[in-house]
Amino acid sequence: MSLVSYIVVFLIIWMILFFILLPIGVNVSEHHEEGLANSAPDKTNLKTKVIISFLISFIPASLIYWVIEKKLFDNFFNNYIL
């Protein structure tokens, strides 16, 4: 698995996790200002969510890299699927 492939896998996992984490812990403002949506959040904590999703993404990306490098499923695909 090349470095570019690992980066692509990591970014896909990171993006999925980031979008999962986005709505968690968002509080809607009680006072509504003119020009803002009623559902606009007070604090989004984007920096924290980016860091958390970045750190968590290493686990599945590393597991996928390890499975591909060790060729754990090569025999399965050769014998049963192909």
N, C-alpha and C. Protein backbone atom coordinates (compact mmCIF):
# COMPACT_ATOMS: atom_id res chain seq x y z
N MET A 1 0.86 -1.16 0.00
CA MET A 1 0.00 0.00 0.00
C MET A 1 0.91 1.23 0.00
N SER A 2 0.70 2.09 -0.93
CA SER A 2 1.55 3.28 -1.04
C SER A 2 1.11 4.35 -0.05
N LEU A 3 1.95 5.34 0.10
CA LEU A 3 1.66 6.44 1.02
C LEU A 3 0.41 7.20 0.58
N VAL A 4 0.26 7.38 -0.71
CA VAL A 4 -0.92 8.10 -1.23
C VAL A 4 -2.19 7.32 -0.91
N SER A 5 -2.15 6.00 -1.05
CA SER A 5 -3.32 5.18 -0.73
C SER A 5 -3.67 5.28 0.75
N TYR A 6 -2.64 5.25 1.60
CA TYR A 6 -2.89 5.37 3.04
C TYR A 6 -3.51 6.73 3.37
N ILE A 7 -3.02 7.79 2.75
CA ILE A 7 -3.56 9.13 3.00
C ILE A 7 -5.01 9.22 2.55
N VAL A 8 -5.33 8.62 1.41
CA VAL A 8 -6.71 8.64 0.92
C VAL A 8 -7.63 7.88 1.87
N VAL A 9 -7.21 6.71 2.32
CA VAL A 9 -8.01 5.93 3.27
C VAL A 9 -8.19 6.71 4.57
N PHE A 10 -7.12 7.32 5.05
CA PHE A 10 -7.18 8.11 6.29
C PHE A 10 -8.15 9.28 6.14
N LEU A 11 -8.09 9.99 5.02
CA LEU A 11 -8.96 11.15 4.83
C LEU A 11 -10.43 10.77 4.70
N ILE A 12 -10.70 9.64 4.07
CA ILE A 12 -12.09 9.18 3.97
C ILE A 12 -12.63 8.85 5.36
N ILE A 13 -11.83 8.14 6.15
CA ILE A 13 -12.26 7.80 7.51
C ILE A 13 -12.40 9.06 8.34
N TRP A 14 -11.46 9.99 8.21
CA TRP A 14 -11.51 11.24 8.97
C TRP A 14 -12.78 12.03 8.64
N MET A 15 -13.10 12.10 7.36
CA MET A 15 -14.27 12.88 6.95
C MET A 15 -15.56 12.26 7.48
N ILE A 16 -15.67 10.94 7.44
CA ILE A 16 -16.86 10.28 7.97
C ILE A 16 -16.99 10.54 9.46
N LEU A 17 -15.89 10.38 10.20
CA LEU A 17 -15.93 10.63 11.64
C LEU A 17 -16.23 12.09 11.97
N PHE A 18 -15.67 13.00 11.19
CA PHE A 18 -15.91 14.42 11.44
C PHE A 18 -17.38 14.76 11.29
N PHE A 19 -18.02 14.24 10.23
CA PHE A 19 -19.44 14.52 10.04
C PHE A 19 -20.31 13.82 11.09
N ILE A 20 -19.84 12.70 11.63
CA ILE A 20 -20.56 12.06 12.73
C ILE A 20 -20.46 12.90 13.99
N LEU A 21 -19.28 13.49 14.24
CA LEU A 21 -19.06 14.28 15.45
C LEU A 21 -19.66 15.69 15.40
N LEU A 22 -19.95 16.20 14.23
CA LEU A 22 -20.43 17.58 14.12
C LEU A 22 -21.66 17.90 14.98
N PRO A 23 -22.71 17.11 14.97
CA PRO A 23 -23.89 17.50 15.75
C PRO A 23 -23.79 17.21 17.25
N ILE A 24 -22.75 16.52 17.68
CA ILE A 24 -22.63 16.15 19.10
C ILE A 24 -22.22 17.36 19.92
N GLY A 25 -22.96 17.63 20.96
CA GLY A 25 -22.63 18.70 21.90
C GLY A 25 -22.92 20.11 21.42
N VAL A 26 -23.75 20.26 20.41
CA VAL A 26 -24.09 21.58 19.90
C VAL A 26 -25.33 22.08 20.63
N ASN A 27 -25.23 23.26 21.23
CA ASN A 27 -26.35 23.87 21.94
C ASN A 27 -26.89 25.05 21.14
N VAL A 28 -28.21 25.09 21.01
CA VAL A 28 -28.86 26.17 20.27
C VAL A 28 -29.03 27.37 21.19
N SER A 29 -28.80 28.54 20.65
CA SER A 29 -28.92 29.78 21.41
C SER A 29 -30.36 30.03 21.83
N GLU A 30 -30.53 30.53 23.06
CA GLU A 30 -31.89 30.87 23.53
C GLU A 30 -32.33 32.24 23.03
N HIS A 31 -31.39 33.15 22.89
CA HIS A 31 -31.74 34.48 22.36
C HIS A 31 -31.37 34.51 20.87
N HIS A 32 -32.32 34.89 20.07
CA HIS A 32 -32.13 34.88 18.63
C HIS A 32 -31.86 36.30 18.14
N GLU A 33 -30.78 36.44 17.39
CA GLU A 33 -30.44 37.74 16.82
C GLU A 33 -31.00 37.84 15.41
N GLU A 34 -31.26 39.05 15.01
CA GLU A 34 -31.80 39.26 13.67
C GLU A 34 -30.73 38.93 12.63
N GLY A 35 -31.12 38.22 11.61
CA GLY A 35 -30.20 37.85 10.55
C GLY A 35 -29.58 36.48 10.73
N LEU A 36 -29.81 35.84 11.87
CA LEU A 36 -29.29 34.50 12.13
C LEU A 36 -30.45 33.51 12.17
N ALA A 37 -30.15 32.28 11.81
CA ALA A 37 -31.18 31.24 11.87
C ALA A 37 -31.51 30.92 13.32
N ASN A 38 -32.74 30.51 13.58
CA ASN A 38 -33.14 30.15 14.94
C ASN A 38 -32.38 28.93 15.45
N SER A 39 -31.88 28.12 14.55
CA SER A 39 -31.16 26.91 14.94
C SER A 39 -29.65 27.11 14.98
N ALA A 40 -29.17 28.34 14.89
CA ALA A 40 -27.73 28.61 14.90
C ALA A 40 -27.14 28.28 16.27
N PRO A 41 -26.04 27.51 16.31
CA PRO A 41 -25.45 27.12 17.59
C PRO A 41 -24.67 28.25 18.24
N ASP A 42 -24.56 28.18 19.59
CA ASP A 42 -23.73 29.15 20.32
C ASP A 42 -22.25 28.89 20.04
N LYS A 43 -21.80 27.69 20.37
CA LYS A 43 -20.41 27.30 20.15
C LYS A 43 -20.40 25.97 19.40
N THR A 44 -19.58 25.89 18.38
CA THR A 44 -19.52 24.66 17.59
C THR A 44 -18.39 23.74 18.03
N ASN A 45 -17.36 24.28 18.68
CA ASN A 45 -16.20 23.50 19.11
C ASN A 45 -15.56 22.76 17.94
N LEU A 46 -15.40 23.42 16.81
CA LEU A 46 -14.86 22.76 15.62
C LEU A 46 -13.43 22.29 15.80
N LYS A 47 -12.62 23.08 16.49
CA LYS A 47 -11.21 22.70 16.66
C LYS A 47 -11.11 21.38 17.44
N THR A 48 -11.90 21.25 18.48
CA THR A 48 -11.89 20.02 19.28
C THR A 48 -12.37 18.83 18.46
N LYS A 49 -13.40 19.03 17.67
CA LYS A 49 -13.95 17.95 16.86
C LYS A 49 -12.99 17.52 15.76
N VAL A 50 -12.25 18.47 15.19
CA VAL A 50 -11.25 18.14 14.17
C VAL A 50 -10.14 17.31 14.79
N ILE A 51 -9.68 17.70 15.97
CA ILE A 51 -8.59 16.98 16.63
C ILE A 51 -9.04 15.58 17.04
N ILE A 52 -10.23 15.46 17.61
CA ILE A 52 -10.73 14.15 18.03
C ILE A 52 -10.89 13.22 16.84
N SER A 53 -11.48 13.70 15.77
CA SER A 53 -11.66 12.85 14.59
C SER A 53 -10.32 12.50 13.95
N PHE A 54 -9.36 13.42 14.02
CA PHE A 54 -8.01 13.16 13.50
C PHE A 54 -7.35 12.03 14.29
N LEU A 55 -7.45 12.09 15.61
CA LEU A 55 -6.81 11.07 16.45
C LEU A 55 -7.50 9.71 16.34
N ILE A 56 -8.82 9.70 16.30
CA ILE A 56 -9.55 8.44 16.20
C ILE A 56 -9.35 7.79 14.83
N SER A 57 -9.15 8.57 13.79
CA SER A 57 -9.00 8.04 12.43
C SER A 57 -7.74 7.20 12.26
N PHE A 58 -6.75 7.41 13.11
CA PHE A 58 -5.53 6.62 12.99
C PHE A 58 -5.77 5.14 13.26
N ILE A 59 -6.71 4.81 14.13
CA ILE A 59 -6.94 3.41 14.50
C ILE A 59 -7.47 2.59 13.32
N PRO A 60 -8.60 2.94 12.71
CA PRO A 60 -9.06 2.12 11.58
C PRO A 60 -8.16 2.22 10.35
N ALA A 61 -7.55 3.38 10.11
CA ALA A 61 -6.66 3.51 8.96
C ALA A 61 -5.43 2.62 9.13
N SER A 62 -4.89 2.57 10.34
CA SER A 62 -3.74 1.71 10.61
C SER A 62 -4.11 0.24 10.52
N LEU A 63 -5.32 -0.10 10.98
CA LEU A 63 -5.78 -1.48 10.88
C LEU A 63 -5.95 -1.90 9.42
N ILE A 64 -6.50 -1.04 8.60
CA ILE A 64 -6.65 -1.34 7.17
C ILE A 64 -5.28 -1.48 6.52
N TYR A 65 -4.35 -0.60 6.87
CA TYR A 65 -2.99 -0.68 6.33
C TYR A 65 -2.34 -2.01 6.72
N TRP A 66 -2.50 -2.41 7.98
CA TRP A 66 -1.89 -3.64 8.48
C TRP A 66 -2.48 -4.86 7.76
N VAL A 67 -3.79 -4.89 7.57
CA VAL A 67 -4.45 -6.01 6.89
C VAL A 67 -3.97 -6.12 5.44
N ILE A 68 -3.83 -4.99 4.77
CA ILE A 68 -3.39 -5.01 3.38
C ILE A 68 -1.92 -5.42 3.27
N GLU A 69 -1.07 -4.90 4.15
CA GLU A 69 0.36 -5.22 4.10
C GLU A 69 0.65 -6.67 4.47
N LYS A 70 -0.10 -7.22 5.41
CA LYS A 70 0.10 -8.62 5.81
C LYS A 70 -0.57 -9.59 4.85
N LYS A 71 -1.36 -9.07 3.93
CA LYS A 71 -2.07 -9.87 2.92
C LYS A 71 -2.92 -10.96 3.58
N LEU A 72 -3.67 -10.57 4.59
CA LEU A 72 -4.46 -11.53 5.35
C LEU A 72 -5.62 -12.11 4.55
N PHE A 73 -6.16 -11.37 3.61
CA PHE A 73 -7.33 -11.85 2.88
C PHE A 73 -6.99 -12.31 1.46
N ASP A 74 -5.72 -12.41 1.11
CA ASP A 74 -5.37 -12.83 -0.24
C ASP A 74 -5.83 -14.25 -0.53
N ASN A 75 -5.61 -15.17 0.39
CA ASN A 75 -6.04 -16.56 0.17
C ASN A 75 -7.56 -16.66 0.08
N PHE A 76 -8.25 -15.90 0.88
CA PHE A 76 -9.71 -15.92 0.84
C PHE A 76 -10.23 -15.48 -0.52
N PHE A 77 -9.69 -14.37 -1.02
CA PHE A 77 -10.16 -13.86 -2.31
C PHE A 77 -9.76 -14.78 -3.46
N ASN A 78 -8.58 -15.37 -3.39
CA ASN A 78 -8.13 -16.26 -4.46
C ASN A 78 -8.92 -17.56 -4.48
N ASN A 79 -9.25 -18.11 -3.31
CA ASN A 79 -9.91 -19.41 -3.25
C ASN A 79 -11.42 -19.33 -3.39
N TYR A 80 -12.04 -18.32 -2.82
CA TYR A 80 -13.50 -18.31 -2.74
C TYR A 80 -14.18 -17.31 -3.66
N ILE A 81 -13.54 -16.21 -3.95
CA ILE A 81 -14.22 -15.18 -4.73
C ILE A 81 -13.80 -15.23 -6.19
N LEU A 82 -12.53 -15.39 -6.45
CA LEU A 82 -12.07 -15.41 -7.84
C LEU A 82 -12.07 -16.78 -8.36
